[in-house]
């Protein structure tokens, strides 16, 4: 299964698309206390997409 981790800081994500049907998406919003606490604990995928 493909995994996408989206990290947001000072912005708004409106949509997320994947070319694969079987995809797990995790959103970390650094603008919230919960997001700031989760970021260091989250296991990031191997590749960063630009």
N, C-alpha and C. Protein backbone atom coordinates (compact mmCIF):
# COMPACT_ATOMS: atom_id res chain seq x y z
N UNK A 1 0.85 -1.18 0.00
CA UNK A 1 0.00 0.00 0.00
C UNK A 1 0.89 1.24 0.00
N UNK A 2 0.58 2.17 -0.85
CA UNK A 2 1.29 3.46 -0.88
C UNK A 2 0.87 4.28 0.32
N UNK A 3 1.78 5.09 0.85
CA UNK A 3 1.47 5.96 1.97
C UNK A 3 1.90 7.37 1.63
N UNK A 4 1.01 8.31 1.90
CA UNK A 4 1.29 9.73 1.68
C UNK A 4 1.14 10.42 3.03
N UNK A 5 2.16 11.18 3.43
CA UNK A 5 2.09 11.98 4.65
C UNK A 5 2.16 13.44 4.22
N UNK A 6 1.15 14.21 4.59
CA UNK A 6 1.08 15.63 4.24
C UNK A 6 1.33 16.44 5.51
N UNK A 7 2.31 17.32 5.47
CA UNK A 7 2.63 18.19 6.61
C UNK A 7 2.22 19.60 6.23
N UNK A 8 1.33 20.18 7.03
CA UNK A 8 0.80 21.52 6.75
C UNK A 8 1.24 22.45 7.86
N UNK A 9 1.75 23.61 7.47
CA UNK A 9 2.09 24.65 8.43
C UNK A 9 1.73 26.00 7.82
N UNK A 10 0.77 26.68 8.44
CA UNK A 10 0.36 27.99 7.96
C UNK A 10 -0.40 27.95 6.65
N UNK A 11 -1.10 26.87 6.38
CA UNK A 11 -1.81 26.76 5.12
C UNK A 11 -3.02 25.85 5.20
N UNK A 12 -3.59 25.59 4.04
CA UNK A 12 -4.83 24.81 3.96
C UNK A 12 -4.72 23.81 2.82
N UNK A 13 -4.90 22.54 3.13
CA UNK A 13 -4.94 21.50 2.09
C UNK A 13 -6.40 21.31 1.71
N UNK A 14 -6.69 21.43 0.44
CA UNK A 14 -8.06 21.30 -0.01
C UNK A 14 -8.35 19.94 -0.61
N UNK A 15 -7.39 19.34 -1.30
CA UNK A 15 -7.59 18.04 -1.91
C UNK A 15 -6.27 17.28 -1.95
N UNK A 16 -6.36 15.96 -1.93
CA UNK A 16 -5.20 15.10 -2.08
C UNK A 16 -5.56 14.04 -3.11
N UNK A 17 -4.70 13.85 -4.10
CA UNK A 17 -4.95 12.88 -5.15
C UNK A 17 -3.83 11.85 -5.15
N UNK A 18 -4.15 10.64 -5.57
CA UNK A 18 -3.15 9.59 -5.71
C UNK A 18 -3.40 8.84 -7.00
N UNK A 19 -2.33 8.39 -7.63
CA UNK A 19 -2.47 7.61 -8.85
C UNK A 19 -2.75 6.13 -8.54
N UNK A 20 -2.69 5.79 -7.25
CA UNK A 20 -2.97 4.42 -6.83
C UNK A 20 -4.20 4.39 -5.94
N UNK A 21 -5.06 3.41 -6.17
CA UNK A 21 -6.31 3.29 -5.42
C UNK A 21 -6.05 2.92 -3.96
N UNK A 22 -5.09 2.05 -3.72
CA UNK A 22 -4.80 1.57 -2.38
C UNK A 22 -3.74 2.46 -1.74
N UNK A 23 -4.16 3.59 -1.18
CA UNK A 23 -3.24 4.59 -0.64
C UNK A 23 -3.70 5.02 0.75
N UNK A 24 -2.77 5.09 1.67
CA UNK A 24 -3.04 5.60 3.00
C UNK A 24 -2.54 7.04 3.06
N UNK A 25 -3.39 7.95 3.55
CA UNK A 25 -3.01 9.36 3.65
C UNK A 25 -3.05 9.78 5.11
N UNK A 26 -1.99 10.43 5.57
CA UNK A 26 -1.93 10.95 6.93
C UNK A 26 -1.64 12.44 6.85
N UNK A 27 -2.41 13.24 7.56
CA UNK A 27 -2.25 14.69 7.56
C UNK A 27 -1.74 15.13 8.92
N UNK A 28 -0.65 15.89 8.92
CA UNK A 28 -0.11 16.46 10.15
C UNK A 28 -0.21 17.97 10.02
N UNK A 29 -1.05 18.57 10.85
CA UNK A 29 -1.26 20.02 10.82
C UNK A 29 -0.45 20.65 11.94
N UNK A 30 0.66 21.26 11.60
CA UNK A 30 1.54 21.85 12.60
C UNK A 30 0.96 23.12 13.23
N UNK A 31 -0.17 23.58 12.73
CA UNK A 31 -0.82 24.75 13.29
C UNK A 31 -1.68 24.40 14.51
N UNK A 32 -1.77 23.10 14.84
CA UNK A 32 -2.54 22.67 16.00
C UNK A 32 -1.60 22.03 17.02
N UNK A 33 -1.99 22.02 18.27
CA UNK A 33 -1.16 21.40 19.30
C UNK A 33 -1.01 19.90 19.03
N UNK A 34 -2.08 19.26 18.57
CA UNK A 34 -2.03 17.83 18.28
C UNK A 34 -1.04 17.54 17.15
N UNK A 35 -1.03 18.37 16.12
CA UNK A 35 -0.12 18.19 15.00
C UNK A 35 1.33 18.39 15.40
N UNK A 36 1.58 19.39 16.22
CA UNK A 36 2.94 19.65 16.67
C UNK A 36 3.48 18.50 17.50
N UNK A 37 2.61 17.88 18.30
CA UNK A 37 3.04 16.76 19.13
C UNK A 37 3.24 15.50 18.30
N UNK A 38 2.47 15.32 17.24
CA UNK A 38 2.52 14.10 16.44
C UNK A 38 3.70 14.09 15.47
N UNK A 39 4.15 15.24 15.02
CA UNK A 39 5.17 15.31 13.98
C UNK A 39 6.45 14.54 14.32
N UNK A 40 7.04 14.71 15.49
CA UNK A 40 8.28 13.98 15.78
C UNK A 40 8.06 12.47 15.92
N UNK A 41 6.84 12.06 16.29
CA UNK A 41 6.54 10.65 16.51
C UNK A 41 6.14 9.91 15.24
N UNK A 42 5.81 10.63 14.19
CA UNK A 42 5.31 10.02 12.96
C UNK A 42 6.45 9.44 12.13
N UNK A 43 6.27 8.21 11.71
CA UNK A 43 7.27 7.58 10.84
C UNK A 43 7.01 8.05 9.41
N UNK A 44 7.98 8.76 8.84
CA UNK A 44 7.83 9.32 7.51
C UNK A 44 8.21 8.28 6.45
N UNK A 45 7.53 8.30 5.31
CA UNK A 45 7.91 7.42 4.21
C UNK A 45 9.34 7.72 3.74
N UNK A 46 9.89 6.80 2.98
CA UNK A 46 11.29 6.88 2.56
C UNK A 46 11.57 8.05 1.62
N UNK A 47 10.62 8.38 0.74
CA UNK A 47 10.86 9.38 -0.30
C UNK A 47 10.05 10.65 -0.03
N UNK A 48 10.66 11.80 -0.32
CA UNK A 48 9.99 13.09 -0.22
C UNK A 48 9.61 13.53 -1.63
N UNK A 49 8.35 13.92 -1.82
CA UNK A 49 7.84 14.33 -3.13
C UNK A 49 7.79 15.85 -3.17
N UNK A 50 8.35 16.42 -4.21
CA UNK A 50 8.38 17.88 -4.35
C UNK A 50 7.33 18.34 -5.29
